[in-house]
Amino acid sequence: MRTLLLTDLHFTTTPRGLLDAQKKCVLDIIKQEKPQEVIILGDVFMKRRPSARVLLAVKEIVDYLKRKKVNLIILRGNHDSASKADDGITSLSLYNYHADVITEHTVDHMWKRVYIPHYENEENIIRYLREAPKGYTIFGHFGYFGCLNSVGDADFGLSLSEFHNRTFLGHIHNFNQRYSETSDSVTFLGTSYTTNFSEAGKSNYYAVLEDGPVCSGQSGETNEVSFKEATSGPKHIILDHDNLDDSELIEDNFFKIVRVYVSKLSDGGNHLIAKEYIDKYPIDCLEIKYKPVFDGDEENFYNPKEKLFCLSHKMLKDYVTNSATTIEKDYILSGLDIINNAYQED
């Protein structure tokens, strides 16, 4: 069976025209690869409560796959969850009429697969990784210690040594493939297009899996996987007006979101610089920004004598009481005591 693997689509309506470009990119890939199955590894939406336009755009893709009789599997990502309560509630459930929406840990013995959607409680992920049958392929939406999310944060403490199976993951936007001593490859597929300016310049991929023939009701393990670079869709581009390299601007098959840095105000205003770019290049969204006054390499010697911000027991108690966190109150407060003790020792 030929399976198309996508992740972190982050459908959104801002800026204008972006949603149509995202939808077109996904449909172009589907039409080019002609898969029998599509698996989306989470974060279909940008916002936990997607707008009607976003919901309808995803419906167009789902309906197209239904007409083509293509099987569709969607994992719940952290952006797809209605809250952080790990209760599985998601707007993706609207597509249950055709898609197999994975909201909880699921094992498919027929195709030797384990699906692990996003969980705020990492202990759940660790347990499901340890319980995964040997030889099964894991599809999930989470990270491990040492990898960074799209804003540069390391938001997972999970060790790479917990992986024992071949694994394909969403959540981290950059393509990355690692091997641990106990597992086959652990692959972050990354996004098929850029989703913000911090991803400018990166390569964007999707994957095609080829499974072996079904024998006696059982699927063979995945025999082959190919990673292909997307050739359309949204593309964030950062340029230096004083040292311009316009090679990316000439391409006309991407939805180009461009940020141009200038060092000083142009004669007549920066709107003339903007007009220069818009008249010369096929740009879909443009912003002009000033370069920083300092280059950022100078050492900062500022060291405040007083605390600029202080966490208190009351603040954390209010957080536990008024949020959907599953972390126990005593556990959070004990962490605050450790921080305060370390501060006093310093």
C-alpha atoms as a PDB file:
ATOM      1  CA  MET A   1       0.000   0.000   0.000  1.00  0.00           C
ATOM      2  CA  ARG A   2       1.229   3.484  -0.892  1.00  0.00           C
ATOM      3  CA  THR A   3       0.905   5.869   2.068  1.00  0.00           C
ATOM      4  CA  LEU A   4       1.434   9.624   1.991  1.00  0.00           C
ATOM      5  CA  LEU A   5       2.709  11.050   5.269  1.00  0.00           C
ATOM      6  CA  LEU A   6       2.131  14.726   6.161  1.00  0.00           C
ATOM      7  CA  THR A   7       2.294  16.692   9.382  1.00  0.00           C
ATOM      8  CA  ASP A   8       1.867  20.100  11.037  1.00  0.00           C
ATOM      9  CA  LEU A   9      -0.219  21.742   8.318  1.00  0.00           C
ATOM     10  CA  HIS A  10      -1.275  24.539  10.718  1.00  0.00           C
ATOM     11  CA  PHE A  11      -4.154  25.772   8.558  1.00  0.00           C
ATOM     12  CA  THR A  12      -4.917  29.424   9.296  1.00  0.00           C
ATOM     13  CA  THR A  13      -6.443  32.470   7.609  1.00  0.00           C
ATOM     14  CA  THR A  14      -3.668  34.971   8.433  1.00  0.00           C
ATOM     15  CA  PRO A  15      -2.245  36.535   6.347  1.00  0.00           C
ATOM     16  CA  ARG A  16      -4.848  36.839   3.607  1.00  0.00           C
ATOM     17  CA  GLY A  17      -4.445  34.166   0.953  1.00  0.00           C
ATOM     18  CA  LEU A  18      -2.380  31.836   3.150  1.00  0.00           C
ATOM     19  CA  LEU A  19      -5.176  29.324   3.764  1.00  0.00           C
ATOM     20  CA  ASP A  20      -5.793  28.823   0.037  1.00  0.00           C
ATOM     21  CA  ALA A  21      -2.045  28.356  -0.536  1.00  0.00           C
ATOM     22  CA  GLN A  22      -1.842  25.736   2.240  1.00  0.00           C
ATOM     23  CA  LYS A  23      -4.835  23.845   0.887  1.00  0.00           C
ATOM     24  CA  LYS A  24      -3.493  23.947  -2.680  1.00  0.00           C
ATOM     25  CA  CYS A  25      -0.093  22.625  -1.577  1.00  0.00           C
ATOM     26  CA  VAL A  26      -1.655  19.628   0.188  1.00  0.00           C
ATOM     27  CA  LEU A  27      -3.949  18.833  -2.747  1.00  0.00           C
ATOM     28  CA  ASP A  28      -1.045  19.197  -5.221  1.00  0.00           C
ATOM     29  CA  ILE A  29       1.004  16.650  -3.267  1.00  0.00           C
ATOM     30  CA  ILE A  30      -1.925  14.233  -3.069  1.00  0.00           C
ATOM     31  CA  LYS A  31      -2.618  14.501  -6.799  1.00  0.00           C
ATOM     32  CA  GLN A  32       1.052  14.034  -7.642  1.00  0.00           C
ATOM     33  CA  GLU A  33       1.659  11.012  -5.401  1.00  0.00           C
ATOM     34  CA  LYS A  34      -1.723   9.281  -5.901  1.00  0.00           C
ATOM     35  CA  PRO A  35      -1.629   7.479  -2.530  1.00  0.00           C
ATOM     36  CA  GLN A  36      -3.997   4.788  -1.357  1.00  0.00           C
ATOM     37  CA  GLU A  37      -3.752   6.188   2.155  1.00  0.00           C
ATOM     38  CA  VAL A  38      -2.916   9.527   3.793  1.00  0.00           C
ATOM     39  CA  ILE A  39      -1.689   9.872   7.389  1.00  0.00           C
ATOM     40  CA  ILE A  40      -1.507  13.338   8.965  1.00  0.00           C
ATOM     41  CA  LEU A  41       0.614  13.348  12.128  1.00  0.00           C
ATOM     42  CA  GLY A  42      -1.243  16.120  13.949  1.00  0.00           C
ATOM     43  CA  ASP A  43      -1.595  19.911  14.096  1.00  0.00           C
ATOM     44  CA  VAL A  44      -3.948  20.258  11.166  1.00  0.00           C
ATOM     45  CA  PHE A  45      -5.103  23.531  12.732  1.00  0.00           C
ATOM     46  CA  MET A  46      -3.116  26.535  13.929  1.00  0.00           C
ATOM     47  CA  LYS A  47      -5.648  27.447  16.621  1.00  0.00           C
ATOM     48  CA  ARG A  48      -7.388  25.181  19.129  1.00  0.00           C
ATOM     49  CA  ARG A  49     -10.706  26.696  18.039  1.00  0.00           C
ATOM     50  CA  PRO A  50     -10.375  26.970  14.256  1.00  0.00           C
ATOM     51  CA  SER A  51     -12.513  29.357  12.251  1.00  0.00           C
ATOM     52  CA  ALA A  52     -15.313  28.219   9.942  1.00  0.00           C
ATOM     53  CA  ARG A  53     -13.141  28.991   6.885  1.00  0.00           C
ATOM     54  CA  VAL A  54     -10.379  26.722   8.192  1.00  0.00           C
ATOM     55  CA  LEU A  55     -12.820  23.921   8.967  1.00  0.00           C
ATOM     56  CA  LEU A  56     -14.281  24.152   5.455  1.00  0.00           C
ATOM     57  CA  ALA A  57     -10.823  24.150   3.837  1.00  0.00           C
ATOM     58  CA  VAL A  58      -9.941  20.914   5.604  1.00  0.00           C
ATOM     59  CA  LYS A  59     -13.344  19.512   4.625  1.00  0.00           C
ATOM     60  CA  GLU A  60     -12.473  20.108   0.954  1.00  0.00           C
ATOM     61  CA  ILE A  61      -9.388  17.918   1.335  1.00  0.00           C
ATOM     62  CA  VAL A  62     -11.303  15.237   3.233  1.00  0.00           C
ATOM     63  CA  ASP A  63     -14.067  15.236   0.609  1.00  0.00           C
ATOM     64  CA  TYR A  64     -11.529  14.962  -2.220  1.00  0.00           C
ATOM     65  CA  LEU A  65      -9.926  11.912  -0.573  1.00  0.00           C
ATOM     66  CA  LYS A  66     -13.355  10.406  -0.022  1.00  0.00           C
ATOM     67  CA  ARG A  67     -14.222  10.785  -3.724  1.00  0.00           C
ATOM     68  CA  LYS A  68     -10.917   9.160  -4.658  1.00  0.00           C
ATOM     69  CA  LYS A  69     -11.541   6.387  -2.099  1.00  0.00           C
ATOM     70  CA  VAL A  70      -8.293   7.170  -0.296  1.00  0.00           C
ATOM     71  CA  ASN A  71      -8.077   6.063   3.334  1.00  0.00           C
ATOM     72  CA  LEU A  72      -7.395   8.976   5.710  1.00  0.00           C
ATOM     73  CA  ILE A  73      -5.932   8.828   9.225  1.00  0.00           C
ATOM     74  CA  ILE A  74      -5.460  11.994  11.314  1.00  0.00           C
ATOM     75  CA  LEU A  75      -3.710  12.120  14.688  1.00  0.00           C
ATOM     76  CA  ARG A  76      -4.718  14.729  17.228  1.00  0.00           C
ATOM     77  CA  GLY A  77      -1.905  17.256  17.732  1.00  0.00           C
ATOM     78  CA  ASN A  78      -1.519  19.773  20.545  1.00  0.00           C
ATOM     79  CA  HIS A  79      -2.945  22.569  18.343  1.00  0.00           C
ATOM     80  CA  ASP A  80      -5.923  20.350  17.458  1.00  0.00           C
ATOM     81  CA  SER A  81      -6.934  19.686  21.077  1.00  0.00           C
ATOM     82  CA  ALA A  82      -9.729  21.804  22.513  1.00  0.00           C
ATOM     83  CA  SER A  83      -7.732  22.200  25.749  1.00  0.00           C
ATOM     84  CA  LYS A  84      -4.710  20.812  27.604  1.00  0.00           C
ATOM     85  CA  ALA A  85      -6.874  18.358  29.529  1.00  0.00           C
ATOM     86  CA  ASP A  86      -5.783  15.265  27.538  1.00  0.00           C
ATOM     87  CA  ASP A  87      -9.466  14.386  27.150  1.00  0.00           C
ATOM     88  CA  GLY A  88      -9.203  13.835  23.383  1.00  0.00           C
ATOM     89  CA  ILE A  89     -11.796  16.499  22.498  1.00  0.00           C
ATOM     90  CA  THR A  90     -10.939  17.992  19.099  1.00  0.00           C
ATOM     91  CA  SER A  91     -12.582  19.748  16.158  1.00  0.00           C
ATOM     92  CA  LEU A  92     -11.078  17.017  13.974  1.00  0.00           C
ATOM     93  CA  SER A  93     -13.991  14.832  15.065  1.00  0.00           C
ATOM     94  CA  LEU A  94     -16.105  16.718  12.500  1.00  0.00           C
ATOM     95  CA  TYR A  95     -14.359  14.630   9.813  1.00  0.00           C
ATOM     96  CA  ASN A  96     -15.200  11.224  11.268  1.00  0.00           C
ATOM     97  CA  TYR A  97     -17.542  10.655   8.308  1.00  0.00           C
ATOM     98  CA  HIS A  98     -14.471   9.680   6.283  1.00  0.00           C
ATOM     99  CA  ALA A  99     -11.284  10.102   8.336  1.00  0.00           C
ATOM    100  CA  ASP A 100     -10.113   7.794  11.114  1.00  0.00           C
ATOM    101  CA  VAL A 101      -9.417  10.496  13.699  1.00  0.00           C
ATOM    102  CA  ILE A 102      -6.993   9.202  16.345  1.00  0.00           C
ATOM    103  CA  THR A 103      -7.738  10.954  19.644  1.00  0.00           C
ATOM    104  CA  GLU A 104      -6.319   8.281  21.966  1.00  0.00           C
ATOM    105  CA  HIS A 105      -3.498   5.734  21.871  1.00  0.00           C
ATOM    106  CA  THR A 106      -4.405   3.086  19.272  1.00  0.00           C
ATOM    107  CA  VAL A 107      -2.767  -0.182  18.186  1.00  0.00           C
ATOM    108  CA  ASP A 108      -3.519  -1.571  14.703  1.00  0.00           C
ATOM    109  CA  HIS A 109      -2.475  -5.232  14.667  1.00  0.00           C
ATOM    110  CA  MET A 110      -3.603  -5.646  11.061  1.00  0.00           C
ATOM    111  CA  TRP A 111      -0.983  -3.207   9.756  1.00  0.00           C
ATOM    112  CA  LYS A 112       1.437  -3.499  12.702  1.00  0.00           C
ATOM    113  CA  ARG A 113       1.124   0.137  13.687  1.00  0.00           C
ATOM    114  CA  VAL A 114       0.893   2.128  16.915  1.00  0.00           C
ATOM    115  CA  TYR A 115      -0.663   5.601  16.902  1.00  0.00           C
ATOM    116  CA  ILE A 116       0.178   7.990  19.762  1.00  0.00           C
ATOM    117  CA  PRO A 117      -1.481  11.418  19.518  1.00  0.00           C
ATOM    118  CA  HIS A 118      -0.308  14.370  21.581  1.00  0.00           C
ATOM    119  CA  TYR A 119      -0.455  14.043  25.379  1.00  0.00           C
ATOM    120  CA  GLU A 120       0.385  16.790  27.832  1.00  0.00           C
ATOM    121  CA  ASN A 121       1.189  14.086  30.377  1.00  0.00           C
ATOM    122  CA  GLU A 122       4.479  12.608  29.162  1.00  0.00           C
ATOM    123  CA  GLU A 123       4.056   9.506  31.307  1.00  0.00           C
ATOM    124  CA  ASN A 124       1.320   8.370  28.925  1.00  0.00           C
ATOM    125  CA  ILE A 125       3.687   8.605  25.955  1.00  0.00           C
ATOM    126  CA  ILE A 126       6.448   6.727  27.783  1.00  0.00           C
ATOM    127  CA  ARG A 127       4.051   3.920  28.717  1.00  0.00           C
ATOM    128  CA  TYR A 128       2.749   3.552  25.160  1.00  0.00           C
ATOM    129  CA  LEU A 129       6.274   3.500  23.714  1.00  0.00           C
ATOM    130  CA  ARG A 130       7.268   0.751  26.138  1.00  0.00           C
ATOM    131  CA  GLU A 131       4.118  -1.254  25.393  1.00  0.00           C
ATOM    132  CA  ALA A 132       4.544  -1.078  21.593  1.00  0.00           C
ATOM    133  CA  PRO A 133       4.949  -4.582  20.115  1.00  0.00           C
ATOM    134  CA  LYS A 134       8.320  -5.293  18.563  1.00  0.00           C
ATOM    135  CA  GLY A 135       8.390  -4.710  14.800  1.00  0.00           C
ATOM    136  CA  TYR A 136       5.431  -2.316  14.792  1.00  0.00           C
ATOM    137  CA  THR A 137       5.821   1.156  13.288  1.00  0.00           C
ATOM    138  CA  ILE A 138       4.928   4.087  15.557  1.00  0.00           C
ATOM    139  CA  PHE A 139       3.234   7.263  14.333  1.00  0.00           C
ATOM    140  CA  GLY A 140       2.982  10.084  16.873  1.00  0.00           C
ATOM    141  CA  HIS A 141       2.847  13.771  17.717  1.00  0.00           C
ATOM    142  CA  PHE A 142       5.450  14.607  20.368  1.00  0.00           C
ATOM    143  CA  GLY A 143       9.179  15.217  20.801  1.00  0.00           C
ATOM    144  CA  TYR A 144      12.056  14.026  22.948  1.00  0.00           C
ATOM    145  CA  PHE A 145      14.763  15.718  25.012  1.00  0.00           C
ATOM    146  CA  GLY A 146      17.221  17.627  22.837  1.00  0.00           C
ATOM    147  CA  CYS A 147      14.819  18.631  20.064  1.00  0.00           C
ATOM    148  CA  LEU A 148      13.286  22.089  19.775  1.00  0.00           C
ATOM    149  CA  ASN A 149       9.799  23.141  18.765  1.00  0.00           C
ATOM    150  CA  SER A 150       9.058  25.846  16.178  1.00  0.00           C
ATOM    151  CA  VAL A 151       9.739  28.699  18.614  1.00  0.00           C
ATOM    152  CA  GLY A 152      13.031  27.268  19.841  1.00  0.00           C
ATOM    153  CA  ASP A 153      11.813  25.696  23.090  1.00  0.00           C
ATOM    154  CA  ALA A 154      12.677  22.217  24.358  1.00  0.00           C
ATOM    155  CA  ASP A 155       9.246  21.237  25.644  1.00  0.00           C
ATOM    156  CA  PHE A 156       9.773  17.490  26.076  1.00  0.00           C
ATOM    157  CA  GLY A 157      11.837  15.617  28.655  1.00  0.00           C
ATOM    158  CA  LEU A 158      11.372  12.238  26.998  1.00  0.00           C
ATOM    159  CA  SER A 159      14.652  10.374  26.436  1.00  0.00           C
ATOM    160  CA  LEU A 160      15.572   9.024  23.004  1.00  0.00           C
ATOM    161  CA  SER A 161      16.375   5.719  24.731  1.00  0.00           C
ATOM    162  CA  GLU A 162      12.624   5.196  25.279  1.00  0.00           C
ATOM    163  CA  PHE A 163      12.208   4.494  21.550  1.00  0.00           C
ATOM    164  CA  HIS A 164      12.416   0.826  20.514  1.00  0.00           C
ATOM    165  CA  ASN A 165      10.528   0.865  17.203  1.00  0.00           C
ATOM    166  CA  ARG A 166      10.718   2.627  13.902  1.00  0.00           C
ATOM    167  CA  THR A 167       8.973   5.940  14.528  1.00  0.00           C
ATOM    168  CA  PHE A 168       7.578   8.843  12.492  1.00  0.00           C
ATOM    169  CA  LEU A 169       6.733  11.993  14.438  1.00  0.00           C
ATOM    170  CA  GLY A 170       4.991  15.317  14.017  1.00  0.00           C
ATOM    171  CA  HIS A 171       5.242  18.357  16.311  1.00  0.00           C
ATOM    172  CA  ILE A 172       8.837  19.411  15.496  1.00  0.00           C
ATOM    173  CA  HIS A 173       8.820  21.437  12.271  1.00  0.00           C
ATOM    174  CA  ASN A 174      12.339  20.686  11.035  1.00  0.00           C
ATOM    175  CA  PHE A 175      13.165  17.417   9.292  1.00  0.00           C
ATOM    176  CA  ASN A 176      15.431  15.296  11.479  1.00  0.00           C
ATOM    177  CA  GLN A 177      16.322  11.619  11.668  1.00  0.00           C
ATOM    178  CA  ARG A 178      18.025   9.984  14.645  1.00  0.00           C
ATOM    179  CA  TYR A 179      18.932   6.500  15.793  1.00  0.00           C
ATOM    180  CA  SER A 180      19.141   5.320  19.381  1.00  0.00           C
ATOM    181  CA  GLU A 181      20.860   2.205  20.702  1.00  0.00           C
ATOM    182  CA  THR A 182      17.485   0.559  21.190  1.00  0.00           C
ATOM    183  CA  SER A 183      15.524   1.575  18.103  1.00  0.00           C
ATOM    184  CA  ASP A 184      15.333   1.825  14.363  1.00  0.00           C
ATOM    185  CA  SER A 185      15.095   5.351  12.945  1.00  0.00           C
ATOM    186  CA  VAL A 186      13.171   8.078  14.783  1.00  0.00           C
ATOM    187  CA  THR A 187      12.115  10.629  12.166  1.00  0.00           C
ATOM    188  CA  PHE A 188      10.670  14.104  12.541  1.00  0.00           C
ATOM    189  CA  LEU A 189       9.042  14.631   9.174  1.00  0.00           C
ATOM    190  CA  GLY A 190       8.772  18.403   9.539  1.00  0.00           C
ATOM    191  CA  THR A 191       6.336  20.668   7.731  1.00  0.00           C
ATOM    192  CA  SER A 192       5.606  20.599   4.010  1.00  0.00           C
ATOM    193  CA  TYR A 193       5.915  24.399   3.950  1.00  0.00           C
ATOM    194  CA  THR A 194       7.126  27.107   6.318  1.00  0.00           C
ATOM    195  CA  THR A 195       4.733  28.327   9.024  1.00  0.00           C
ATOM    196  CA  ASN A 196       6.614  31.395  10.347  1.00  0.00           C
ATOM    197  CA  PHE A 197       9.720  33.502   9.720  1.00  0.00           C
ATOM    198  CA  SER A 198      11.837  31.435  12.119  1.00  0.00           C
ATOM    199  CA  GLU A 199      11.600  28.645   9.511  1.00  0.00           C
ATOM    200  CA  ALA A 200      12.787  30.810   6.610  1.00  0.00           C
ATOM    201  CA  GLY A 201      15.400  29.033   4.508  1.00  0.00           C
ATOM    202  CA  LYS A 202      14.631  25.500   5.677  1.00  0.00           C
ATOM    203  CA  SER A 203      13.784  22.607   3.367  1.00  0.00           C
ATOM    204  CA  ASN A 204      10.266  21.185   3.604  1.00  0.00           C
ATOM    205  CA  TYR A 205       9.385  17.536   3.116  1.00  0.00           C
ATOM    206  CA  TYR A 206       6.679  14.933   2.983  1.00  0.00           C
ATOM    207  CA  ALA A 207       7.116  11.155   2.999  1.00  0.00           C
ATOM    208  CA  VAL A 208       5.824   8.256   0.930  1.00  0.00           C
ATOM    209  CA  LEU A 209       5.737   4.804   2.530  1.00  0.00           C
ATOM    210  CA  GLU A 210       5.499   1.597   0.534  1.00  0.00           C
ATOM    211  CA  ASP A 211       4.219  -1.383   2.529  1.00  0.00           C
ATOM    212  CA  GLY A 212       4.750  -4.996   1.562  1.00  0.00           C
ATOM    213  CA  PRO A 213       1.891  -7.230   0.332  1.00  0.00           C
ATOM    214  CA  VAL A 214      -0.781  -8.375   2.716  1.00  0.00           C
ATOM    215  CA  CYS A 215      -0.323 -12.030   3.634  1.00  0.00           C
ATOM    216  CA  SER A 216      -2.780 -14.076   5.692  1.00  0.00           C
ATOM    217  CA  GLY A 217      -4.491 -10.952   6.932  1.00  0.00           C
ATOM    218  CA  GLN A 218      -1.233  -9.438   8.142  1.00  0.00           C
ATOM    219  CA  SER A 219       0.726  -6.551   6.624  1.00  0.00           C
ATOM    220  CA  GLY A 220       4.448  -6.734   6.175  1.00  0.00           C
ATOM    221  CA  GLU A 221       6.575  -4.078   7.846  1.00  0.00           C
ATOM    222  CA  THR A 222       7.212  -0.885   5.907  1.00  0.00           C
ATOM    223  CA  ASN A 223       9.708  -1.882   3.230  1.00  0.00           C
ATOM    224  CA  GLU A 224      10.556   1.489   1.790  1.00  0.00           C
ATOM    225  CA  VAL A 225      10.258   5.172   2.653  1.00  0.00           C
ATOM    226  CA  SER A 226      11.158   8.146   0.484  1.00  0.00           C
ATOM    227  CA  PHE A 227      11.348  11.771   1.604  1.00  0.00           C
ATOM    228  CA  LYS A 228      10.427  14.314  -1.027  1.00  0.00           C
ATOM    229  CA  GLU A 229      10.823  18.078  -0.978  1.00  0.00           C
ATOM    230  CA  ALA A 230       7.646  20.084  -1.496  1.00  0.00           C
ATOM    231  CA  THR A 231       7.763  22.327  -4.566  1.00  0.00           C
ATOM    232  CA  SER A 232       4.852  24.637  -3.755  1.00  0.00           C
ATOM    233  CA  GLY A 233       3.000  26.159  -0.835  1.00  0.00           C
ATOM    234  CA  PRO A 234       3.732  28.988   1.627  1.00  0.00           C
ATOM    235  CA  LYS A 235       7.343  30.111   1.856  1.00  0.00           C
ATOM    236  CA  HIS A 236       8.697  32.627   4.373  1.00  0.00           C
ATOM    237  CA  ILE A 237      11.649  34.632   3.031  1.00  0.00           C
ATOM    238  CA  ILE A 238      13.915  37.058   4.904  1.00  0.00           C
ATOM    239  CA  LEU A 239      15.991  39.535   2.874  1.00  0.00           C
ATOM    240  CA  ASP A 240      18.633  42.190   3.541  1.00  0.00           C
ATOM    241  CA  HIS A 241      17.854  45.195   1.349  1.00  0.00           C
ATOM    242  CA  ASP A 242      21.480  46.378   1.451  1.00  0.00           C
ATOM    243  CA  ASN A 243      22.855  42.986   0.340  1.00  0.00           C
ATOM    244  CA  LEU A 244      20.008  41.651  -1.738  1.00  0.00           C
ATOM    245  CA  ASP A 245      19.878  38.060  -2.962  1.00  0.00           C
ATOM    246  CA  ASP A 246      16.630  37.806  -4.926  1.00  0.00           C
ATOM    247  CA  SER A 247      16.973  34.193  -6.088  1.00  0.00           C
ATOM    248  CA  GLU A 248      14.032  33.024  -3.931  1.00  0.00           C
ATOM    249  CA  LEU A 249      11.834  35.878  -5.098  1.00  0.00           C
ATOM    250  CA  ILE A 250      12.074  34.854  -8.745  1.00  0.00           C
ATOM    251  CA  GLU A 251      10.364  31.513  -8.121  1.00  0.00           C
ATOM    252  CA  ASP A 252       6.662  31.845  -8.865  1.00  0.00           C
ATOM    253  CA  ASN A 253       5.272  28.506  -7.662  1.00  0.00           C
ATOM    254  CA  PHE A 254       5.273  29.459  -3.958  1.00  0.00           C
ATOM    255  CA  PHE A 255       3.066  31.714  -1.865  1.00  0.00           C
ATOM    256  CA  LYS A 256       5.822  34.096  -0.783  1.00  0.00           C
ATOM    257  CA  ILE A 257       5.644  35.845   2.590  1.00  0.00           C
ATOM    258  CA  VAL A 258       8.581  38.255   2.542  1.00  0.00           C
ATOM    259  CA  ARG A 259      10.284  40.289   5.248  1.00  0.00           C
ATOM    260  CA  VAL A 260      12.841  42.880   4.075  1.00  0.00           C
ATOM    261  CA  TYR A 261      15.271  44.454   6.543  1.00  0.00           C
ATOM    262  CA  VAL A 262      16.431  48.001   5.814  1.00  0.00           C
ATOM    263  CA  SER A 263      19.142  49.967   7.603  1.00  0.00           C
ATOM    264  CA  LYS A 264      17.670  53.459   7.223  1.00  0.00           C
ATOM    265  CA  LEU A 265      14.577  55.311   6.133  1.00  0.00           C
ATOM    266  CA  SER A 266      14.324  55.561   2.364  1.00  0.00           C
ATOM    267  CA  ASP A 267      13.986  58.961   0.700  1.00  0.00           C
ATOM    268  CA  GLY A 268      10.262  59.507   0.484  1.00  0.00           C
ATOM    269  CA  GLY A 269       9.437  56.705   2.950  1.00  0.00           C
ATOM    270  CA  ASN A 270       9.685  52.927   3.101  1.00  0.00           C
ATOM    271  CA  HIS A 271       6.522  52.570   1.058  1.00  0.00           C
ATOM    272  CA  LEU A 272       8.740  53.281  -1.965  1.00  0.00           C
ATOM    273  CA  ILE A 273      10.924  50.303  -1.063  1.00  0.00           C
ATOM    274  CA  ALA A 274       7.818  48.169  -0.730  1.00  0.00           C
ATOM    275  CA  LYS A 275       6.543  49.348  -4.114  1.00  0.00           C
ATOM    276  CA  GLU A 276       9.917  48.505  -5.663  1.00  0.00           C
ATOM    277  CA  TYR A 277       9.654  44.882  -4.516  1.00  0.00           C
ATOM    278  CA  ILE A 278       5.987  44.451  -5.353  1.00  0.00           C
ATOM    279  CA  ASP A 279       6.435  45.867  -8.864  1.00  0.00           C
ATOM    280  CA  LYS A 280       9.463  43.692  -9.614  1.00  0.00           C
ATOM    281  CA  TYR A 281       8.696  40.351  -7.942  1.00  0.00           C
ATOM    282  CA  PRO A 282       5.664  38.032  -7.492  1.00  0.00           C
ATOM    283  CA  ILE A 283       5.231  38.603  -3.747  1.00  0.00           C
ATOM    284  CA  ASP A 284       2.042  37.679  -1.901  1.00  0.00           C
ATOM    285  CA  CYS A 285       2.742  39.309   1.457  1.00  0.00           C
ATOM    286  CA  LEU A 286       5.437  41.887   2.265  1.00  0.00           C
ATOM    287  CA  GLU A 287       6.658  43.681   5.371  1.00  0.00           C
ATOM    288  CA  ILE A 288       9.503  46.183   5.760  1.00  0.00           C
ATOM    289  CA  LYS A 289      11.443  46.170   9.051  1.00  0.00           C
ATOM    290  CA  TYR A 290      14.415  48.120  10.343  1.00  0.00           C
ATOM    291  CA  LYS A 291      17.616  46.295  11.175  1.00  0.00           C
ATOM    292  CA  PRO A 292      18.498  46.228  14.889  1.00  0.00           C
ATOM    293  CA  VAL A 293      20.483  49.232  16.099  1.00  0.00           C
ATOM    294  CA  PHE A 294      23.015  46.828  17.635  1.00  0.00           C
ATOM    295  CA  ASP A 295      24.211  43.629  16.002  1.00  0.00           C
ATOM    296  CA  GLY A 296      23.477  41.563  19.108  1.00  0.00           C
ATOM    297  CA  ASP A 297      27.058  40.409  19.609  1.00  0.00           C
ATOM    298  CA  GLU A 298      27.872  42.855  22.397  1.00  0.00           C
ATOM    299  CA  GLU A 299      27.818  41.378  25.902  1.00  0.00           C
ATOM    300  CA  ASN A 300      24.997  42.474  28.179  1.00  0.00           C
ATOM    301  CA  PHE A 301      26.283  43.364  31.656  1.00  0.00           C
ATOM    302  CA  TYR A 302      22.899  44.206  33.173  1.00  0.00           C
ATOM    303  CA  ASN A 303      22.358  42.275  36.395  1.00  0.00           C
ATOM    304  CA  PRO A 304      19.274  43.360  38.388  1.00  0.00           C
ATOM    305  CA  LYS A 305      19.714  43.607  42.159  1.00  0.00           C
ATOM    306  CA  GLU A 306      16.041  42.903  42.791  1.00  0.00           C
ATOM    307  CA  LYS A 307      13.787  40.167  41.520  1.00  0.00           C
ATOM    308  CA  LEU A 308      11.982  41.252  38.360  1.00  0.00           C
ATOM    309  CA  PHE A 309       9.415  38.495  38.701  1.00  0.00           C
ATOM    310  CA  CYS A 310       8.598  36.172  41.555  1.00  0.00           C
ATOM    311  CA  LEU A 311       6.457  33.018  41.629  1.00  0.00           C
ATOM    312  CA  SER A 312       4.462  32.502  44.789  1.00  0.00           C
ATOM    313  CA  HIS A 313       2.554  29.558  46.265  1.00  0.00           C
ATOM    314  CA  LYS A 314      -0.679  31.531  45.856  1.00  0.00           C
ATOM    315  CA  MET A 315      -0.028  32.106  42.143  1.00  0.00           C
ATOM    316  CA  LEU A 316       0.581  28.410  41.513  1.00  0.00           C
ATOM    317  CA  LYS A 317      -2.440  27.375  43.587  1.00  0.00           C
ATOM    318  CA  ASP A 318      -4.613  29.687  41.505  1.00  0.00           C
ATOM    319  CA  TYR A 319      -3.125  28.167  38.331  1.00  0.00           C
ATOM    320  CA  VAL A 320      -3.915  24.612  39.421  1.00  0.00           C
ATOM    321  CA  THR A 321      -7.425  25.577  40.511  1.00  0.00           C
ATOM    322  CA  ASN A 322      -8.377  27.482  37.361  1.00  0.00           C
ATOM    323  CA  SER A 323      -6.660  25.478  34.614  1.00  0.00           C
ATOM    324  CA  ALA A 324      -7.126  22.056  33.067  1.00  0.00           C
ATOM    325  CA  THR A 325      -3.656  20.837  34.054  1.00  0.00           C
ATOM    326  CA  THR A 326      -3.328  17.195  35.118  1.00  0.00           C
ATOM    327  CA  ILE A 327      -0.233  17.890  37.224  1.00  0.00           C
ATOM    328  CA  GLU A 328      -0.872  17.519  40.958  1.00  0.00           C
ATOM    329  CA  LYS A 329      -0.772  20.699  43.048  1.00  0.00           C
ATOM    330  CA  ASP A 330       1.702  19.330  45.610  1.00  0.00           C
ATOM    331  CA  TYR A 331       4.067  18.317  42.815  1.00  0.00           C
ATOM    332  CA  ILE A 332       4.075  21.845  41.337  1.00  0.00           C
ATOM    333  CA  LEU A 333       4.545  23.481  44.746  1.00  0.00           C
ATOM    334  CA  SER A 334       7.446  21.172  45.587  1.00  0.00           C
ATOM    335  CA  GLY A 335       9.129  22.341  42.393  1.00  0.00           C
ATOM    336  CA  LEU A 336       8.757  25.961  43.535  1.00  0.00           C
ATOM    337  CA  ASP A 337      10.423  25.072  46.849  1.00  0.00           C
ATOM    338  CA  ILE A 338      13.387  23.592  44.974  1.00  0.00           C
ATOM    339  CA  ILE A 339      13.749  26.774  42.897  1.00  0.00           C
ATOM    340  CA  ASN A 340      13.518  29.016  45.958  1.00  0.00           C
ATOM    341  CA  ASN A 341      16.073  26.966  47.893  1.00  0.00           C
ATOM    342  CA  ALA A 342      18.495  27.062  44.960  1.00  0.00           C
ATOM    343  CA  TYR A 343      18.062  30.855  44.716  1.00  0.00           C
ATOM    344  CA  GLN A 344      18.799  31.286  48.428  1.00  0.00           C
ATOM    345  CA  GLU A 345      21.938  29.139  48.155  1.00  0.00           C
ATOM    346  CA  ASP A 346      23.233  31.367  45.343  1.00  0.00           C
END
